[in-house]
Amino acid sequence: MELFEKGYLPKEDAGYELGFGNGEAMLELIPKIGRRKGFGRLLGEGSYRLAEHYRTGSGIIAWMLKG
């Protein structure tokens, strides 16, 4: 959601508006992550790989690693 809010993650890739508070989208993505289908395949790799995929820069990657 952080990547989406900051404009790094396009809606076209995710298929959902992934802004903070969109619980419905998250509930739909959970089984996709578990089955590694569609965008869930990339989410299943973890936040570091997701940030790396979108080349968001070391600042965002470092922030994600802290959490």
Protein backbone atom coordinates (compact mmCIF):
# COMPACT_ATOMS: atom_id res chain seq x y z
CA MET A 1 0.00 0.00 0.00
CA GLU A 2 2.91 2.32 0.68
CA LEU A 3 4.26 1.79 -2.85
CA PHE A 4 0.80 2.39 -4.33
CA GLU A 5 0.25 5.56 -2.29
CA LYS A 6 3.63 6.97 -3.36
CA GLY A 7 2.92 6.24 -7.04
CA TYR A 8 5.47 3.46 -7.57
CA LEU A 9 2.94 0.68 -8.03
CA PRO A 10 0.49 1.26 -10.90
CA LYS A 11 -3.12 0.12 -10.56
CA GLU A 12 -2.78 -1.68 -13.89
CA ASP A 13 -0.20 -4.04 -12.39
CA ALA A 14 -2.09 -4.79 -9.19
CA GLY A 15 -5.57 -4.80 -10.68
CA TYR A 16 -6.84 -2.98 -7.59
CA GLU A 17 -6.75 0.42 -5.94
CA LEU A 18 -4.34 -0.55 -3.18
CA GLY A 19 -4.50 2.61 -1.14
CA PHE A 20 -4.55 2.43 2.65
CA GLY A 21 -7.91 1.30 3.98
CA ASN A 22 -8.91 -0.86 1.01
CA GLY A 23 -9.51 -4.04 2.97
CA GLU A 24 -11.64 -5.59 0.24
CA ALA A 25 -8.71 -5.61 -2.19
CA MET A 26 -6.45 -7.15 0.44
CA LEU A 27 -8.99 -9.91 1.14
CA GLU A 28 -9.11 -10.70 -2.57
CA LEU A 29 -5.30 -10.72 -2.84
CA ILE A 30 -4.66 -13.08 0.10
CA PRO A 31 -5.62 -16.29 -1.76
CA LYS A 32 -3.77 -15.06 -4.87
CA ILE A 33 -0.63 -14.62 -2.79
CA GLY A 34 -0.97 -18.12 -1.34
CA ARG A 35 -1.52 -19.66 -4.77
CA ARG A 36 1.05 -17.37 -6.45
CA LYS A 37 -1.45 -16.32 -9.12
CA GLY A 38 -1.39 -13.05 -11.01
CA PHE A 39 -0.09 -10.13 -8.98
CA GLY A 40 -0.06 -12.42 -5.93
CA ARG A 41 3.04 -14.09 -7.35
CA LEU A 42 5.04 -10.89 -6.96
CA LEU A 43 3.51 -10.05 -3.57
CA GLY A 44 4.40 -13.53 -2.36
CA GLU A 45 8.08 -12.74 -2.91
CA GLY A 46 7.96 -10.18 -0.09
CA SER A 47 8.21 -6.44 0.29
CA TYR A 48 11.92 -6.23 -0.54
CA ARG A 49 11.49 -7.99 -3.88
CA LEU A 50 8.39 -5.93 -4.63
CA ALA A 51 10.27 -2.68 -4.04
CA GLU A 52 13.21 -4.01 -6.02
CA HIS A 53 10.90 -4.96 -8.91
CA TYR A 54 9.58 -1.41 -9.12
CA ARG A 55 13.07 0.07 -8.64
CA THR A 56 11.84 2.44 -6.00
CA GLY A 57 15.29 3.38 -4.78
CA SER A 58 17.29 2.46 -1.74
CA GLY A 59 15.36 4.81 0.56
CA ILE A 60 12.09 2.92 0.20
CA ILE A 61 13.82 -0.47 0.27
CA ALA A 62 15.68 0.47 3.46
CA TRP A 63 12.43 1.70 5.03
CA MET A 64 10.73 -1.60 4.20
CA LEU A 65 13.55 -3.61 5.73
CA LYS A 66 13.27 -1.71 9.02
CA GLY A 67 9.63 -2.71 9.53
